[in-house]
Amino acid sequence: MTPQQLRFTLAFRRLLRLSQGLDRLPLPQALKWRLARALGRRFSPYRQDLPKVLRGLHEGLGLPVPAVRVAARLWLASHGLFALSLFDWGRNARWGQPVLEALQPDTRATLQELVRTGGLVLTFHSFHHNALGVVLGDAGTRVYGIAATEKNSPEAPYTGRYMRLVNGGSEAHFRGGRYLFTDEMKNLVRGVREAFAGHHSVVTLSDNPVPAADGIPVTLLGKRFSVGGGVVALAQEAGVPVYFALLYPRAEGGYRLALEAAGPVTDTAHTLQAYFDFLDRQLRLAPWAWQGWAWFADL
């Protein structure tokens, strides 16, 4: 671990400890959420990436400086909400219900279709991608989430117990599903195929840039880069439908689930580009919704 990575990890642990202390206070939940936003703005380790975030918001979306500053504050506040919410997933069997009750009719219909068919759910780093699995499980689909394990991470001695809370708390809502870890590739591929065969939902993040030789080129907000397409190829092999999803906090409070049906995969590159076009549309509504601003400027 480099000195910079260690600083980030220690700052992240401080935010998690502060959030756990806040979670234990006998305060109204609305006040806790407000304080969690403040903790994120003040203590998120991603504050070190603010210059990149500000530049990305300006260059990618063409936002004026005042709007960029507002979006960046909401972006940091979103991390604070994650750091508080993770302590509630394991004990609150209905955590996702307020999100589900606030759905628009078209989104509700698409979600009902997802529960019926299962398939591949492509989502994005949003600080709340684990919470997306919570919401989908609470909606009625069995969830299999693709994730990196913490056991081999150099951060594990510092934040491992919190990452186990993230995984265990969210997995409690998966209706018998589980996480499939990227460092156990044979088990992952077998689990994905079994999930598709059972008409369950596989949720994966597909916005990580990879070397051009290893990925499929896509375009987002004028940037050209490559991402992995292995799970999309498995969805094509199985003939299952694909959905695009993004869960993020509203500026005025609460969460919004954006969800679109993309149909079966006929071409991996086409599906992945449609997935980033979906993100483009969401960012024009809520610029703070994507965690990826931390690396967008360097693409």
C-alpha atoms as a PDB file:
ATOM      1  CA  MET A   1       0.000   0.000   0.000  1.00  0.00           C
ATOM      2  CA  THR A   2       1.395   3.399  -0.965  1.00  0.00           C
ATOM      3  CA  PRO A   3       1.472   6.267   1.557  1.00  0.00           C
ATOM      4  CA  GLN A   4      -1.364   7.946  -0.361  1.00  0.00           C
ATOM      5  CA  GLN A   5      -3.477   4.786  -0.233  1.00  0.00           C
ATOM      6  CA  LEU A   6      -2.810   4.457   3.482  1.00  0.00           C
ATOM      7  CA  ARG A   7      -3.918   8.048   4.079  1.00  0.00           C
ATOM      8  CA  PHE A   8      -7.107   7.367   2.141  1.00  0.00           C
ATOM      9  CA  THR A   9      -7.782   4.159   4.059  1.00  0.00           C
ATOM     10  CA  LEU A  10      -7.237   5.773   7.457  1.00  0.00           C
ATOM     11  CA  ALA A  11      -9.489   8.682   6.504  1.00  0.00           C
ATOM     12  CA  PHE A  12     -12.161   6.220   5.360  1.00  0.00           C
ATOM     13  CA  ARG A  13     -11.904   4.354   8.678  1.00  0.00           C
ATOM     14  CA  ARG A  14     -12.339   7.637  10.546  1.00  0.00           C
ATOM     15  CA  LEU A  15     -15.522   8.390   8.575  1.00  0.00           C
ATOM     16  CA  LEU A  16     -16.877   4.909   9.311  1.00  0.00           C
ATOM     17  CA  ARG A  17     -16.109   5.208  13.015  1.00  0.00           C
ATOM     18  CA  LEU A  18     -17.770   8.600  13.218  1.00  0.00           C
ATOM     19  CA  SER A  19     -20.788   7.241  11.338  1.00  0.00           C
ATOM     20  CA  GLN A  20     -21.056   4.279  13.671  1.00  0.00           C
ATOM     21  CA  GLY A  21     -21.010   6.661  16.628  1.00  0.00           C
ATOM     22  CA  LEU A  22     -23.754   8.719  14.987  1.00  0.00           C
ATOM     23  CA  ASP A  23     -25.785   5.559  14.345  1.00  0.00           C
ATOM     24  CA  ARG A  24     -25.740   4.760  18.075  1.00  0.00           C
ATOM     25  CA  LEU A  25     -27.011   8.162  19.201  1.00  0.00           C
ATOM     26  CA  PRO A  26     -30.681   8.378  20.324  1.00  0.00           C
ATOM     27  CA  LEU A  27     -31.603  10.959  17.702  1.00  0.00           C
ATOM     28  CA  PRO A  28     -34.496  11.221  15.217  1.00  0.00           C
ATOM     29  CA  GLN A  29     -33.620   9.458  11.973  1.00  0.00           C
ATOM     30  CA  ALA A  30     -34.108  12.604   9.900  1.00  0.00           C
ATOM     31  CA  LEU A  31     -31.536  14.408  12.034  1.00  0.00           C
ATOM     32  CA  LYS A  32     -29.116  11.493  11.687  1.00  0.00           C
ATOM     33  CA  TRP A  33     -29.376  11.670   7.893  1.00  0.00           C
ATOM     34  CA  ARG A  34     -28.703  15.407   7.983  1.00  0.00           C
ATOM     35  CA  LEU A  35     -25.655  14.887  10.188  1.00  0.00           C
ATOM     36  CA  ALA A  36     -24.450  12.029   7.961  1.00  0.00           C
ATOM     37  CA  ARG A  37     -24.442  14.380   4.979  1.00  0.00           C
ATOM     38  CA  ALA A  38     -22.378  16.842   7.007  1.00  0.00           C
ATOM     39  CA  LEU A  39     -19.921  14.085   7.987  1.00  0.00           C
ATOM     40  CA  GLY A  40     -19.506  13.161   4.342  1.00  0.00           C
ATOM     41  CA  ARG A  41     -18.794  16.733   3.324  1.00  0.00           C
ATOM     42  CA  ARG A  42     -16.250  17.150   6.108  1.00  0.00           C
ATOM     43  CA  PHE A  43     -14.612  13.724   6.484  1.00  0.00           C
ATOM     44  CA  SER A  44     -15.053  11.718   3.281  1.00  0.00           C
ATOM     45  CA  PRO A  45     -11.637  10.459   2.130  1.00  0.00           C
ATOM     46  CA  TYR A  46     -12.703  11.465  -1.371  1.00  0.00           C
ATOM     47  CA  ARG A  47     -12.126  15.080  -0.441  1.00  0.00           C
ATOM     48  CA  GLN A  48      -8.613  14.474  -1.773  1.00  0.00           C
ATOM     49  CA  ASP A  49     -10.184  13.981  -5.227  1.00  0.00           C
ATOM     50  CA  LEU A  50     -12.215  17.199  -5.185  1.00  0.00           C
ATOM     51  CA  PRO A  51     -10.082  18.979  -7.817  1.00  0.00           C
ATOM     52  CA  LYS A  52     -10.698  16.083 -10.211  1.00  0.00           C
ATOM     53  CA  VAL A  53     -14.387  15.945  -9.332  1.00  0.00           C
ATOM     54  CA  LEU A  54     -14.840  19.664  -9.889  1.00  0.00           C
ATOM     55  CA  ARG A  55     -12.991  19.516 -13.196  1.00  0.00           C
ATOM     56  CA  GLY A  56     -14.952  16.485 -14.354  1.00  0.00           C
ATOM     57  CA  LEU A  57     -18.318  18.050 -13.523  1.00  0.00           C
ATOM     58  CA  HIS A  58     -17.359  21.197 -15.396  1.00  0.00           C
ATOM     59  CA  GLU A  59     -15.791  19.537 -18.432  1.00  0.00           C
ATOM     60  CA  GLY A  60     -18.126  16.561 -18.693  1.00  0.00           C
ATOM     61  CA  LEU A  61     -21.450  18.280 -18.132  1.00  0.00           C
ATOM     62  CA  GLY A  62     -20.528  21.877 -18.909  1.00  0.00           C
ATOM     63  CA  LEU A  63     -21.884  23.049 -15.558  1.00  0.00           C
ATOM     64  CA  PRO A  64     -21.157  26.608 -14.437  1.00  0.00           C
ATOM     65  CA  VAL A  65     -18.963  27.031 -11.382  1.00  0.00           C
ATOM     66  CA  PRO A  66     -21.791  27.557  -8.818  1.00  0.00           C
ATOM     67  CA  ALA A  67     -23.589  24.390 -10.016  1.00  0.00           C
ATOM     68  CA  VAL A  68     -20.315  22.450  -9.944  1.00  0.00           C
ATOM     69  CA  ARG A  69     -19.765  23.419  -6.310  1.00  0.00           C
ATOM     70  CA  VAL A  70     -23.299  22.389  -5.328  1.00  0.00           C
ATOM     71  CA  ALA A  71     -22.953  19.043  -7.115  1.00  0.00           C
ATOM     72  CA  ALA A  72     -19.576  18.363  -5.482  1.00  0.00           C
ATOM     73  CA  ARG A  73     -21.016  19.034  -2.008  1.00  0.00           C
ATOM     74  CA  LEU A  74     -23.903  16.651  -2.729  1.00  0.00           C
ATOM     75  CA  TRP A  75     -21.382  14.086  -4.008  1.00  0.00           C
ATOM     76  CA  LEU A  76     -19.425  14.154  -0.734  1.00  0.00           C
ATOM     77  CA  ALA A  77     -22.654  14.166   1.290  1.00  0.00           C
ATOM     78  CA  SER A  78     -23.720  11.034  -0.587  1.00  0.00           C
ATOM     79  CA  HIS A  79     -20.664   9.209   0.744  1.00  0.00           C
ATOM     80  CA  GLY A  80     -21.664  10.213   4.266  1.00  0.00           C
ATOM     81  CA  LEU A  81     -25.140   8.746   3.739  1.00  0.00           C
ATOM     82  CA  PHE A  82     -23.598   5.460   2.648  1.00  0.00           C
ATOM     83  CA  ALA A  83     -21.362   5.389   5.717  1.00  0.00           C
ATOM     84  CA  LEU A  84     -24.400   5.686   7.990  1.00  0.00           C
ATOM     85  CA  SER A  85     -26.817   3.462   6.068  1.00  0.00           C
ATOM     86  CA  LEU A  86     -24.568   0.394   6.086  1.00  0.00           C
ATOM     87  CA  PHE A  87     -25.161  -0.014   9.831  1.00  0.00           C
ATOM     88  CA  ASP A  88     -28.923  -0.269   9.265  1.00  0.00           C
ATOM     89  CA  TRP A  89     -29.168  -2.871   6.507  1.00  0.00           C
ATOM     90  CA  GLY A  90     -28.589  -5.914   8.690  1.00  0.00           C
ATOM     91  CA  ARG A  91     -31.170  -4.982  11.322  1.00  0.00           C
ATOM     92  CA  ASN A  92     -33.859  -3.355   9.150  1.00  0.00           C
ATOM     93  CA  ALA A  93     -35.633  -5.995   7.086  1.00  0.00           C
ATOM     94  CA  ARG A  94     -37.628  -3.296   5.256  1.00  0.00           C
ATOM     95  CA  TRP A  95     -34.808  -0.853   4.530  1.00  0.00           C
ATOM     96  CA  GLY A  96     -35.696  -0.588   0.836  1.00  0.00           C
ATOM     97  CA  GLN A  97     -39.431  -0.030   1.301  1.00  0.00           C
ATOM     98  CA  PRO A  98     -39.334   3.815   1.325  1.00  0.00           C
ATOM     99  CA  VAL A  99     -37.445   3.695  -1.986  1.00  0.00           C
ATOM    100  CA  LEU A 100     -39.969   1.279  -3.474  1.00  0.00           C
ATOM    101  CA  GLU A 101     -42.946   3.295  -2.255  1.00  0.00           C
ATOM    102  CA  ALA A 102     -41.597   6.444  -3.960  1.00  0.00           C
ATOM    103  CA  LEU A 103     -41.205   4.859  -7.414  1.00  0.00           C
ATOM    104  CA  GLN A 104     -42.800   6.446 -10.446  1.00  0.00           C
ATOM    105  CA  PRO A 105     -45.343   4.199 -12.241  1.00  0.00           C
ATOM    106  CA  ASP A 106     -43.068   3.457 -15.224  1.00  0.00           C
ATOM    107  CA  THR A 107     -40.152   2.532 -12.959  1.00  0.00           C
ATOM    108  CA  ARG A 108     -42.453   0.397 -10.821  1.00  0.00           C
ATOM    109  CA  ALA A 109     -43.611  -1.496 -13.921  1.00  0.00           C
ATOM    110  CA  THR A 110     -40.004  -2.087 -15.035  1.00  0.00           C
ATOM    111  CA  LEU A 111     -39.079  -3.315 -11.560  1.00  0.00           C
ATOM    112  CA  GLN A 112     -42.014  -5.732 -11.566  1.00  0.00           C
ATOM    113  CA  GLU A 113     -40.751  -7.054 -14.899  1.00  0.00           C
ATOM    114  CA  LEU A 114     -37.263  -7.515 -13.413  1.00  0.00           C
ATOM    115  CA  VAL A 115     -38.668  -9.411 -10.443  1.00  0.00           C
ATOM    116  CA  ARG A 116     -40.559 -11.670 -12.858  1.00  0.00           C
ATOM    117  CA  THR A 117     -37.755 -12.335 -15.352  1.00  0.00           C
ATOM    118  CA  GLY A 118     -34.519 -11.850 -13.445  1.00  0.00           C
ATOM    119  CA  GLY A 119     -31.493 -11.158 -15.617  1.00  0.00           C
ATOM    120  CA  LEU A 120     -28.421  -8.956 -15.599  1.00  0.00           C
ATOM    121  CA  VAL A 121     -28.557  -5.626 -13.770  1.00  0.00           C
ATOM    122  CA  LEU A 122     -25.759  -3.293 -14.837  1.00  0.00           C
ATOM    123  CA  THR A 123     -25.184  -0.547 -12.292  1.00  0.00           C
ATOM    124  CA  PHE A 124     -22.523   2.046 -11.490  1.00  0.00           C
ATOM    125  CA  HIS A 125     -20.323   3.088  -8.592  1.00  0.00           C
ATOM    126  CA  SER A 126     -22.626   5.482  -6.778  1.00  0.00           C
ATOM    127  CA  PHE A 127     -21.588   4.988  -3.121  1.00  0.00           C
ATOM    128  CA  HIS A 128     -24.960   3.161  -2.925  1.00  0.00           C
ATOM    129  CA  HIS A 129     -24.420   0.222  -5.275  1.00  0.00           C
ATOM    130  CA  ASN A 130     -24.631  -2.247  -2.363  1.00  0.00           C
ATOM    131  CA  ALA A 131     -27.863  -0.577  -1.272  1.00  0.00           C
ATOM    132  CA  LEU A 132     -29.225  -1.221  -4.773  1.00  0.00           C
ATOM    133  CA  GLY A 133     -29.046  -4.942  -4.010  1.00  0.00           C
ATOM    134  CA  VAL A 134     -30.950  -4.277  -0.787  1.00  0.00           C
ATOM    135  CA  VAL A 135     -33.725  -2.484  -2.669  1.00  0.00           C
ATOM    136  CA  LEU A 136     -33.962  -5.113  -5.412  1.00  0.00           C
ATOM    137  CA  GLY A 137     -34.100  -7.901  -2.850  1.00  0.00           C
ATOM    138  CA  ASP A 138     -36.799  -6.089  -0.905  1.00  0.00           C
ATOM    139  CA  ALA A 139     -38.721  -5.762  -4.181  1.00  0.00           C
ATOM    140  CA  GLY A 140     -38.850  -9.546  -4.489  1.00  0.00           C
ATOM    141  CA  THR A 141     -36.016 -10.783  -6.710  1.00  0.00           C
ATOM    142  CA  ARG A 142     -33.230 -13.071  -5.570  1.00  0.00           C
ATOM    143  CA  VAL A 143     -29.980 -11.094  -5.890  1.00  0.00           C
ATOM    144  CA  TYR A 144     -26.465 -12.217  -6.734  1.00  0.00           C
ATOM    145  CA  GLY A 145     -23.994  -9.355  -6.470  1.00  0.00           C
ATOM    146  CA  ILE A 146     -20.596  -9.407  -8.148  1.00  0.00           C
ATOM    147  CA  ALA A 147     -18.027  -7.788  -5.874  1.00  0.00           C
ATOM    148  CA  ALA A 148     -14.380  -7.675  -4.902  1.00  0.00           C
ATOM    149  CA  THR A 149     -13.621  -9.555  -1.694  1.00  0.00           C
ATOM    150  CA  GLU A 150     -12.024  -7.725   1.203  1.00  0.00           C
ATOM    151  CA  LYS A 151     -10.012 -10.699   2.453  1.00  0.00           C
ATOM    152  CA  ASN A 152      -7.032 -10.132   0.140  1.00  0.00           C
ATOM    153  CA  SER A 153      -7.226  -6.340   0.177  1.00  0.00           C
ATOM    154  CA  PRO A 154      -4.381  -4.391   1.821  1.00  0.00           C
ATOM    155  CA  GLU A 155      -7.144  -2.268   3.401  1.00  0.00           C
ATOM    156  CA  ALA A 156      -8.589  -5.258   5.256  1.00  0.00           C
ATOM    157  CA  PRO A 157      -6.648  -4.706   8.526  1.00  0.00           C
ATOM    158  CA  TYR A 158      -8.103  -1.190   8.729  1.00  0.00           C
ATOM    159  CA  THR A 159     -11.625  -1.384   7.277  1.00  0.00           C
ATOM    160  CA  GLY A 160     -12.266  -5.116   6.897  1.00  0.00           C
ATOM    161  CA  ARG A 161     -14.844  -5.372   9.652  1.00  0.00           C
ATOM    162  CA  TYR A 162     -16.856  -2.551   8.081  1.00  0.00           C
ATOM    163  CA  MET A 163     -16.699  -4.168   4.647  1.00  0.00           C
ATOM    164  CA  ARG A 164     -18.025  -7.358   6.199  1.00  0.00           C
ATOM    165  CA  LEU A 165     -20.907  -5.311   7.567  1.00  0.00           C
ATOM    166  CA  VAL A 166     -21.507  -3.930   4.063  1.00  0.00           C
ATOM    167  CA  ASN A 167     -21.550  -7.392   2.516  1.00  0.00           C
ATOM    168  CA  GLY A 168     -23.376  -9.182   5.305  1.00  0.00           C
ATOM    169  CA  GLY A 169     -25.951  -6.451   5.894  1.00  0.00           C
ATOM    170  CA  SER A 170     -26.856  -6.090   2.231  1.00  0.00           C
ATOM    171  CA  GLU A 171     -26.753  -9.845   1.572  1.00  0.00           C
ATOM    172  CA  ALA A 172     -29.384 -10.295   4.293  1.00  0.00           C
ATOM    173  CA  HIS A 173     -31.856  -8.757   1.806  1.00  0.00           C
ATOM    174  CA  PHE A 174     -30.855 -10.929  -1.170  1.00  0.00           C
ATOM    175  CA  ARG A 175     -33.626 -13.535  -0.673  1.00  0.00           C
ATOM    176  CA  GLY A 176     -31.226 -16.448  -0.634  1.00  0.00           C
ATOM    177  CA  GLY A 177     -28.760 -14.928  -3.094  1.00  0.00           C
ATOM    178  CA  ARG A 178     -25.181 -14.045  -2.271  1.00  0.00           C
ATOM    179  CA  TYR A 179     -22.093 -12.176  -3.380  1.00  0.00           C
ATOM    180  CA  LEU A 180     -19.925 -13.723  -6.081  1.00  0.00           C
ATOM    181  CA  PHE A 181     -16.349 -12.568  -5.687  1.00  0.00           C
ATOM    182  CA  THR A 182     -14.058 -11.548  -8.512  1.00  0.00           C
ATOM    183  CA  ASP A 183     -11.036 -13.346  -7.073  1.00  0.00           C
ATOM    184  CA  GLU A 184     -12.902 -16.674  -7.255  1.00  0.00           C
ATOM    185  CA  MET A 185     -13.513 -16.679 -11.006  1.00  0.00           C
ATOM    186  CA  LYS A 186     -14.655 -20.270 -11.454  1.00  0.00           C
ATOM    187  CA  ASN A 187     -17.209 -19.907  -8.654  1.00  0.00           C
ATOM    188  CA  LEU A 188     -18.274 -16.547 -10.051  1.00  0.00           C
ATOM    189  CA  VAL A 189     -18.959 -17.841 -13.565  1.00  0.00           C
ATOM    190  CA  ARG A 190     -20.751 -20.903 -12.230  1.00  0.00           C
ATOM    191  CA  GLY A 191     -22.835 -18.750  -9.869  1.00  0.00           C
ATOM    192  CA  VAL A 192     -23.793 -16.304 -12.619  1.00  0.00           C
ATOM    193  CA  ARG A 193     -24.915 -19.119 -14.907  1.00  0.00           C
ATOM    194  CA  GLU A 194     -26.933 -20.742 -12.146  1.00  0.00           C
ATOM    195  CA  ALA A 195     -28.549 -17.410 -11.271  1.00  0.00           C
ATOM    196  CA  PHE A 196     -29.530 -16.786 -14.873  1.00  0.00           C
ATOM    197  CA  ALA A 197     -30.909 -20.326 -15.200  1.00  0.00           C
ATOM    198  CA  GLY A 198     -33.043 -19.734 -12.099  1.00  0.00           C
ATOM    199  CA  HIS A 199     -34.419 -16.391 -13.372  1.00  0.00           C
ATOM    200  CA  HIS A 200     -32.669 -14.531 -10.580  1.00  0.00           C
ATOM    201  CA  SER A 201     -30.911 -11.143 -10.760  1.00  0.00           C
ATOM    202  CA  VAL A 202     -27.165 -10.673 -11.128  1.00  0.00           C
ATOM    203  CA  VAL A 203     -26.037  -7.163 -10.172  1.00  0.00           C
ATOM    204  CA  THR A 204     -22.656  -5.958 -11.353  1.00  0.00           C
ATOM    205  CA  LEU A 205     -20.644  -2.763 -11.675  1.00  0.00           C
ATOM    206  CA  SER A 206     -19.342  -2.292 -15.204  1.00  0.00           C
ATOM    207  CA  ASP A 207     -17.944   1.250 -15.149  1.00  0.00           C
ATOM    208  CA  ASN A 208     -14.360   0.409 -14.132  1.00  0.00           C
ATOM    209  CA  PRO A 209     -11.935   1.440 -16.903  1.00  0.00           C
ATOM    210  CA  VAL A 210      -9.652  -1.366 -18.106  1.00  0.00           C
ATOM    211  CA  PRO A 211      -6.725  -1.437 -20.548  1.00  0.00           C
ATOM    212  CA  ALA A 212      -7.904  -1.164 -24.145  1.00  0.00           C
ATOM    213  CA  ALA A 213      -6.546  -4.616 -24.983  1.00  0.00           C
ATOM    214  CA  ASP A 214      -8.732  -6.182 -22.259  1.00  0.00           C
ATOM    215  CA  GLY A 215     -12.013  -4.375 -22.813  1.00  0.00           C
ATOM    216  CA  ILE A 216     -14.654  -2.939 -25.078  1.00  0.00           C
ATOM    217  CA  PRO A 217     -14.525   0.748 -26.076  1.00  0.00           C
ATOM    218  CA  VAL A 218     -17.341   3.050 -24.939  1.00  0.00           C
ATOM    219  CA  THR A 219     -17.938   6.788 -24.889  1.00  0.00           C
ATOM    220  CA  LEU A 220     -19.219   8.884 -21.981  1.00  0.00           C
ATOM    221  CA  LEU A 221     -19.467  12.680 -22.035  1.00  0.00           C
ATOM    222  CA  GLY A 222     -16.841  12.974 -24.742  1.00  0.00           C
ATOM    223  CA  LYS A 223     -14.373  10.535 -23.130  1.00  0.00           C
ATOM    224  CA  ARG A 224     -13.404   7.309 -24.903  1.00  0.00           C
ATOM    225  CA  PHE A 225     -12.221   4.403 -22.736  1.00  0.00           C
ATOM    226  CA  SER A 226     -12.646   0.640 -22.369  1.00  0.00           C
ATOM    227  CA  VAL A 227     -14.589  -1.487 -19.881  1.00  0.00           C
ATOM    228  CA  GLY A 228     -14.904  -5.209 -19.281  1.00  0.00           C
ATOM    229  CA  GLY A 229     -17.718  -7.120 -20.937  1.00  0.00           C
ATOM    230  CA  GLY A 230     -17.407 -10.630 -19.534  1.00  0.00           C
ATOM    231  CA  VAL A 231     -20.660 -10.716 -17.562  1.00  0.00           C
ATOM    232  CA  VAL A 232     -22.551  -9.134 -20.461  1.00  0.00           C
ATOM    233  CA  ALA A 233     -21.231 -11.936 -22.662  1.00  0.00           C
ATOM    234  CA  LEU A 234     -22.542 -14.479 -20.122  1.00  0.00           C
ATOM    235  CA  ALA A 235     -25.944 -12.768 -20.253  1.00  0.00           C
ATOM    236  CA  GLN A 236     -25.901 -13.044 -24.047  1.00  0.00           C
ATOM    237  CA  GLU A 237     -24.982 -16.725 -23.784  1.00  0.00           C
ATOM    238  CA  ALA A 238     -27.915 -17.324 -21.416  1.00  0.00           C
ATOM    239  CA  GLY A 239     -30.363 -15.199 -23.420  1.00  0.00           C
ATOM    240  CA  VAL A 240     -31.495 -13.257 -20.346  1.00  0.00           C
ATOM    241  CA  PRO A 241     -32.700  -9.631 -20.331  1.00  0.00           C
ATOM    242  CA  VAL A 242     -30.481  -6.756 -19.249  1.00  0.00           C
ATOM    243  CA  TYR A 243     -31.502  -3.826 -17.059  1.00  0.00           C
ATOM    244  CA  PHE A 244     -29.677  -0.580 -16.301  1.00  0.00           C
ATOM    245  CA  ALA A 245     -29.975   0.723 -12.741  1.00  0.00           C
ATOM    246  CA  LEU A 246     -28.691   3.551 -10.567  1.00  0.00           C
ATOM    247  CA  LEU A 247     -29.580   4.237  -6.935  1.00  0.00           C
ATOM    248  CA  TYR A 248     -28.647   7.608  -5.483  1.00  0.00           C
ATOM    249  CA  PRO A 249     -29.835  10.124  -2.856  1.00  0.00           C
ATOM    250  CA  ARG A 250     -32.102  12.956  -3.926  1.00  0.00           C
ATOM    251  CA  ALA A 251     -30.965  16.477  -3.169  1.00  0.00           C
ATOM    252  CA  GLU A 252     -34.148  17.036  -1.185  1.00  0.00           C
ATOM    253  CA  GLY A 253     -33.855  13.775   0.785  1.00  0.00           C
ATOM    254  CA  GLY A 254     -34.644  10.123   0.244  1.00  0.00           C
ATOM    255  CA  TYR A 255     -33.388   7.938  -2.587  1.00  0.00           C
ATOM    256  CA  ARG A 256     -34.217   7.603  -6.263  1.00  0.00           C
ATOM    257  CA  LEU A 257     -34.025   4.367  -8.207  1.00  0.00           C
ATOM    258  CA  ALA A 258     -33.496   4.895 -11.937  1.00  0.00           C
ATOM    259  CA  LEU A 259     -34.213   1.685 -13.853  1.00  0.00           C
ATOM    260  CA  GLU A 260     -34.521   0.877 -17.551  1.00  0.00           C
ATOM    261  CA  ALA A 261     -35.058  -2.370 -19.436  1.00  0.00           C
ATOM    262  CA  ALA A 262     -32.534  -2.929 -22.233  1.00  0.00           C
ATOM    263  CA  GLY A 263     -33.777  -6.305 -23.516  1.00  0.00           C
ATOM    264  CA  PRO A 264     -31.601  -9.321 -24.336  1.00  0.00           C
ATOM    265  CA  VAL A 265     -28.011  -8.820 -25.488  1.00  0.00           C
ATOM    266  CA  THR A 266     -27.545  -9.050 -29.249  1.00  0.00           C
ATOM    267  CA  ASP A 267     -24.190  -7.276 -29.289  1.00  0.00           C
ATOM    268  CA  THR A 268     -22.004  -6.770 -26.212  1.00  0.00           C
ATOM    269  CA  ALA A 269     -20.521  -3.479 -27.419  1.00  0.00           C
ATOM    270  CA  HIS A 270     -23.963  -2.072 -28.236  1.00  0.00           C
ATOM    271  CA  THR A 271     -25.325  -3.019 -24.803  1.00  0.00           C
ATOM    272  CA  LEU A 272     -22.370  -1.463 -22.999  1.00  0.00           C
ATOM    273  CA  GLN A 273     -22.669   1.773 -24.956  1.00  0.00           C
ATOM    274  CA  ALA A 274     -26.399   1.904 -24.202  1.00  0.00           C
ATOM    275  CA  TYR A 275     -25.497   1.414 -20.539  1.00  0.00           C
ATOM    276  CA  PHE A 276     -23.246   4.490 -20.569  1.00  0.00           C
ATOM    277  CA  ASP A 277     -25.874   6.458 -22.512  1.00  0.00           C
ATOM    278  CA  PHE A 278     -28.221   5.665 -19.615  1.00  0.00           C
ATOM    279  CA  LEU A 279     -25.642   7.080 -17.193  1.00  0.00           C
ATOM    280  CA  ASP A 280     -25.322  10.208 -19.346  1.00  0.00           C
ATOM    281  CA  ARG A 281     -29.072  10.810 -19.009  1.00  0.00           C
ATOM    282  CA  GLN A 282     -29.039  10.284 -15.244  1.00  0.00           C
ATOM    283  CA  LEU A 283     -26.095  12.629 -14.683  1.00  0.00           C
ATOM    284  CA  ARG A 284     -27.907  15.440 -16.447  1.00  0.00           C
ATOM    285  CA  LEU A 285     -30.665  15.033 -13.861  1.00  0.00           C
ATOM    286  CA  ALA A 286     -28.434  14.416 -10.815  1.00  0.00           C
ATOM    287  CA  PRO A 287     -24.732  15.180 -11.461  1.00  0.00           C
ATOM    288  CA  TRP A 288     -23.715  13.949  -7.997  1.00  0.00           C
ATOM    289  CA  ALA A 289     -25.128  10.440  -8.596  1.00  0.00           C
ATOM    290  CA  TRP A 290     -21.938   8.858  -9.996  1.00  0.00           C
ATOM    291  CA  GLN A 291     -18.933   8.032  -7.846  1.00  0.00           C
ATOM    292  CA  GLY A 292     -16.804   7.858 -10.991  1.00  0.00           C
ATOM    293  CA  TRP A 293     -16.132  11.602 -11.106  1.00  0.00           C
ATOM    294  CA  ALA A 294     -13.106  10.699  -8.967  1.00  0.00           C
ATOM    295  CA  TRP A 295     -11.483   9.086 -12.020  1.00  0.00           C
ATOM    296  CA  PHE A 296     -13.354  10.642 -14.967  1.00  0.00           C
ATOM    297  CA  ALA A 297     -10.925  13.538 -15.377  1.00  0.00           C
ATOM    298  CA  ASP A 298      -8.026  11.080 -15.832  1.00  0.00           C
ATOM    299  CA  LEU A 299      -9.694   8.938 -18.493  1.00  0.00           C
END
